[in-house]
Amino acid sequence: MGLGTLAVRHDPTSAALVRRSIANDLAGNGIDDDSIDDVVLVASELVGNAVTHAPARLDSGLNVTWEVEPDAVVVRVLDGSPDLPRRRF
């Protein structure tokens, strides 16, 4: 249905910008408020995790994308790190 994209700094304050951008876009696509709340919570957590666990590089920020599908909204956060996530025990 729709695709949004946003490039933000590798900084904890970026989560607020991501939340606002996604919420505005989803509202414009007719997504209900409860679903928007769920999506922005997940997006905020993903950005927070990327900031916390991915090394900050001077030349890279975070690339956030979201895609509205018929039964879901898919959120992706790319942190610029070449390292794949590892499970911690």
N, C-alpha and C. Protein backbone atom coordinates (compact mmCIF):
# COMPACT_ATOMS: atom_id res chain seq x y z
N MET A 1 0.82 -1.19 0.00
CA MET A 1 0.00 0.00 0.00
C MET A 1 0.87 1.26 0.00
N GLY A 2 1.71 1.39 1.04
CA GLY A 2 2.53 2.58 1.13
C GLY A 2 3.86 2.28 1.76
N LEU A 3 4.84 3.08 1.42
CA LEU A 3 6.19 2.90 1.96
C LEU A 3 6.70 4.25 2.44
N GLY A 4 7.26 4.25 3.64
CA GLY A 4 7.87 5.45 4.17
C GLY A 4 9.32 5.19 4.49
N THR A 5 10.12 6.21 4.45
CA THR A 5 11.53 6.07 4.75
C THR A 5 12.03 7.34 5.43
N LEU A 6 12.98 7.16 6.32
CA LEU A 6 13.51 8.28 7.09
C LEU A 6 14.95 7.96 7.49
N ALA A 7 15.84 8.89 7.27
CA ALA A 7 17.23 8.76 7.72
C ALA A 7 17.39 9.65 8.96
N VAL A 8 17.91 9.06 10.04
CA VAL A 8 18.07 9.80 11.29
C VAL A 8 19.47 9.59 11.85
N ARG A 9 19.84 10.44 12.80
CA ARG A 9 21.14 10.32 13.45
C ARG A 9 21.17 9.11 14.38
N HIS A 10 22.34 8.60 14.62
CA HIS A 10 22.56 7.50 15.56
C HIS A 10 22.55 8.12 16.96
N ASP A 11 21.35 8.43 17.44
CA ASP A 11 21.20 9.18 18.68
C ASP A 11 19.86 8.81 19.32
N PRO A 12 19.81 8.68 20.64
CA PRO A 12 18.54 8.31 21.29
C PRO A 12 17.38 9.26 20.99
N THR A 13 17.67 10.53 20.75
CA THR A 13 16.59 11.48 20.48
C THR A 13 15.93 11.23 19.12
N SER A 14 16.55 10.44 18.28
CA SER A 14 15.97 10.14 16.97
C SER A 14 14.68 9.34 17.08
N ALA A 15 14.51 8.61 18.16
CA ALA A 15 13.30 7.80 18.33
C ALA A 15 12.05 8.66 18.29
N ALA A 16 12.10 9.85 18.87
CA ALA A 16 10.93 10.74 18.88
C ALA A 16 10.57 11.18 17.45
N LEU A 17 11.56 11.50 16.65
CA LEU A 17 11.32 11.90 15.27
C LEU A 17 10.71 10.74 14.48
N VAL A 18 11.23 9.55 14.70
CA VAL A 18 10.71 8.36 14.02
C VAL A 18 9.25 8.13 14.42
N ARG A 19 8.96 8.22 15.71
CA ARG A 19 7.58 8.02 16.18
C ARG A 19 6.62 9.01 15.50
N ARG A 20 6.98 10.28 15.50
CA ARG A 20 6.11 11.30 14.90
C ARG A 20 5.92 11.07 13.40
N SER A 21 7.00 10.78 12.71
CA SER A 21 6.94 10.58 11.26
C SER A 21 6.06 9.39 10.89
N ILE A 22 6.28 8.28 11.58
CA ILE A 22 5.48 7.09 11.28
C ILE A 22 4.03 7.31 11.66
N ALA A 23 3.76 7.91 12.80
CA ALA A 23 2.38 8.14 13.23
C ALA A 23 1.64 9.03 12.23
N ASN A 24 2.28 10.10 11.79
CA ASN A 24 1.65 10.99 10.81
C ASN A 24 1.38 10.28 9.49
N ASP A 25 2.34 9.49 9.03
CA ASP A 25 2.18 8.78 7.77
C ASP A 25 1.06 7.75 7.87
N LEU A 26 1.04 6.98 8.95
CA LEU A 26 0.02 5.95 9.09
C LEU A 26 -1.37 6.55 9.24
N ALA A 27 -1.47 7.66 9.97
CA ALA A 27 -2.76 8.33 10.10
C ALA A 27 -3.25 8.79 8.73
N GLY A 28 -2.33 9.28 7.90
CA GLY A 28 -2.68 9.70 6.55
C GLY A 28 -3.09 8.55 5.65
N ASN A 29 -2.70 7.34 6.02
CA ASN A 29 -3.08 6.14 5.27
C ASN A 29 -4.30 5.45 5.86
N GLY A 30 -4.96 6.11 6.82
CA GLY A 30 -6.20 5.58 7.38
C GLY A 30 -6.02 4.45 8.37
N ILE A 31 -4.85 4.29 8.94
CA ILE A 31 -4.61 3.24 9.94
C ILE A 31 -5.23 3.70 11.27
N ASP A 32 -5.87 2.77 11.98
CA ASP A 32 -6.55 3.15 13.22
C ASP A 32 -5.55 3.49 14.32
N ASP A 33 -6.00 4.30 15.28
CA ASP A 33 -5.12 4.83 16.33
C ASP A 33 -4.45 3.74 17.17
N ASP A 34 -5.19 2.67 17.51
CA ASP A 34 -4.59 1.60 18.31
C ASP A 34 -3.44 0.92 17.57
N SER A 35 -3.62 0.69 16.28
CA SER A 35 -2.55 0.08 15.49
C SER A 35 -1.36 1.02 15.36
N ILE A 36 -1.63 2.31 15.19
CA ILE A 36 -0.55 3.29 15.11
C ILE A 36 0.26 3.27 16.40
N ASP A 37 -0.42 3.23 17.54
CA ASP A 37 0.28 3.18 18.82
C ASP A 37 1.20 1.97 18.90
N ASP A 38 0.72 0.82 18.45
CA ASP A 38 1.54 -0.40 18.47
C ASP A 38 2.76 -0.27 17.57
N VAL A 39 2.55 0.26 16.37
CA VAL A 39 3.65 0.38 15.41
C VAL A 39 4.71 1.36 15.91
N VAL A 40 4.29 2.51 16.43
CA VAL A 40 5.29 3.48 16.89
C VAL A 40 6.05 2.97 18.11
N LEU A 41 5.40 2.15 18.95
CA LEU A 41 6.10 1.55 20.07
C LEU A 41 7.20 0.60 19.57
N VAL A 42 6.86 -0.23 18.61
CA VAL A 42 7.85 -1.17 18.05
C VAL A 42 8.98 -0.40 17.37
N ALA A 43 8.64 0.61 16.59
CA ALA A 43 9.66 1.40 15.90
C ALA A 43 10.60 2.08 16.89
N SER A 44 10.04 2.61 17.96
CA SER A 44 10.84 3.27 18.98
C SER A 44 11.81 2.28 19.63
N GLU A 45 11.34 1.08 19.91
CA GLU A 45 12.20 0.05 20.49
C GLU A 45 13.32 -0.35 19.53
N LEU A 46 12.98 -0.49 18.25
CA LEU A 46 14.00 -0.85 17.27
C LEU A 46 15.07 0.22 17.15
N VAL A 47 14.66 1.48 17.12
CA VAL A 47 15.64 2.57 17.06
C VAL A 47 16.48 2.59 18.33
N GLY A 48 15.83 2.44 19.48
CA GLY A 48 16.57 2.41 20.74
C GLY A 48 17.59 1.28 20.79
N ASN A 49 17.19 0.11 20.31
CA ASN A 49 18.12 -1.03 20.28
C ASN A 49 19.29 -0.76 19.34
N ALA A 50 19.02 -0.17 18.19
CA ALA A 50 20.09 0.13 17.24
C ALA A 50 21.07 1.13 17.84
N VAL A 51 20.55 2.14 18.52
CA VAL A 51 21.42 3.14 19.14
C VAL A 51 22.25 2.52 20.26
N THR A 52 21.62 1.66 21.04
CA THR A 52 22.30 1.05 22.19
C THR A 52 23.33 0.00 21.78
N HIS A 53 23.00 -0.82 20.79
CA HIS A 53 23.83 -2.00 20.52
C HIS A 53 24.69 -1.92 19.27
N ALA A 54 24.40 -1.02 18.38
CA ALA A 54 25.23 -0.90 17.16
C ALA A 54 26.25 0.20 17.37
N PRO A 55 27.47 -0.03 16.96
CA PRO A 55 28.48 1.02 17.12
C PRO A 55 28.15 2.24 16.26
N ALA A 56 28.31 3.41 16.83
CA ALA A 56 28.10 4.65 16.08
C ALA A 56 29.29 4.87 15.16
N ARG A 57 29.01 5.17 13.93
CA ARG A 57 30.05 5.48 12.97
C ARG A 57 29.86 6.93 12.56
N LEU A 58 30.94 7.63 12.36
CA LEU A 58 30.85 9.05 12.03
C LEU A 58 30.05 9.32 10.76
N ASP A 59 30.12 8.41 9.81
CA ASP A 59 29.48 8.66 8.52
C ASP A 59 28.14 7.96 8.34
N SER A 60 27.65 7.29 9.37
CA SER A 60 26.38 6.57 9.18
C SER A 60 25.40 6.90 10.29
N GLY A 61 24.17 6.94 9.92
CA GLY A 61 23.09 7.12 10.88
C GLY A 61 22.25 5.86 10.85
N LEU A 62 20.97 6.03 11.02
CA LEU A 62 20.03 4.93 10.96
C LEU A 62 19.07 5.19 9.81
N ASN A 63 18.76 4.15 9.09
CA ASN A 63 17.75 4.24 8.04
C ASN A 63 16.53 3.46 8.49
N VAL A 64 15.42 4.16 8.59
CA VAL A 64 14.17 3.56 9.07
C VAL A 64 13.19 3.53 7.91
N THR A 65 12.61 2.36 7.67
CA THR A 65 11.57 2.24 6.65
C THR A 65 10.36 1.56 7.26
N TRP A 66 9.20 1.89 6.72
CA TRP A 66 7.97 1.22 7.13
C TRP A 66 7.12 1.03 5.89
N GLU A 67 6.45 -0.11 5.85
CA GLU A 67 5.64 -0.46 4.70
C GLU A 67 4.26 -0.91 5.19
N VAL A 68 3.24 -0.29 4.65
CA VAL A 68 1.87 -0.65 4.99
C VAL A 68 1.43 -1.75 4.05
N GLU A 69 1.18 -2.93 4.62
CA GLU A 69 0.70 -4.07 3.86
C GLU A 69 -0.76 -4.29 4.21
N PRO A 70 -1.47 -5.15 3.50
CA PRO A 70 -2.90 -5.33 3.76
C PRO A 70 -3.24 -5.70 5.21
N ASP A 71 -2.40 -6.51 5.85
CA ASP A 71 -2.71 -6.95 7.22
C ASP A 71 -1.62 -6.62 8.22
N ALA A 72 -0.67 -5.78 7.85
CA ALA A 72 0.45 -5.49 8.76
C ALA A 72 1.16 -4.22 8.34
N VAL A 73 1.96 -3.73 9.26
CA VAL A 73 2.91 -2.66 8.96
C VAL A 73 4.28 -3.23 9.31
N VAL A 74 5.18 -3.24 8.35
CA VAL A 74 6.53 -3.78 8.54
C VAL A 74 7.48 -2.61 8.76
N VAL A 75 8.22 -2.65 9.87
CA VAL A 75 9.18 -1.60 10.21
C VAL A 75 10.58 -2.22 10.18
N ARG A 76 11.50 -1.52 9.52
CA ARG A 76 12.89 -1.97 9.46
C ARG A 76 13.80 -0.83 9.89
N VAL A 77 14.82 -1.16 10.67
CA VAL A 77 15.84 -0.19 11.07
C VAL A 77 17.19 -0.75 10.69
N LEU A 78 17.89 -0.06 9.82
CA LEU A 78 19.24 -0.46 9.41
C LEU A 78 20.22 0.48 10.08
N ASP A 79 21.22 -0.11 10.73
CA ASP A 79 22.13 0.70 11.54
C ASP A 79 23.49 0.95 10.90
N GLY A 80 23.76 0.44 9.74
CA GLY A 80 25.03 0.67 9.07
C GLY A 80 26.16 -0.22 9.54
N SER A 81 25.92 -1.04 10.53
CA SER A 81 26.96 -1.95 11.01
C SER A 81 27.04 -3.17 10.10
N PRO A 82 28.25 -3.60 9.77
CA PRO A 82 28.38 -4.81 8.95
C PRO A 82 28.15 -6.09 9.78
N ASP A 83 28.10 -5.96 11.09
CA ASP A 83 27.93 -7.11 11.97
C ASP A 83 26.45 -7.51 12.06
N LEU A 84 26.20 -8.81 11.97
CA LEU A 84 24.85 -9.31 12.14
C LEU A 84 24.51 -9.36 13.63
N PRO A 85 23.22 -9.26 13.96
CA PRO A 85 22.84 -9.37 15.38
C PRO A 85 23.24 -10.73 15.94
N ARG A 86 23.58 -10.75 17.22
CA ARG A 86 23.92 -11.99 17.91
C ARG A 86 23.03 -12.13 19.12
N ARG A 87 22.62 -13.35 19.38
CA ARG A 87 21.79 -13.63 20.54
C ARG A 87 22.69 -13.61 21.78
N ARG A 88 22.23 -12.92 22.81
CA ARG A 88 22.96 -12.88 24.06
C ARG A 88 22.35 -13.86 25.04
N PHE A 89 23.20 -14.45 25.85
CA PHE A 89 22.71 -15.43 26.84
C PHE A 89 22.87 -14.87 28.23
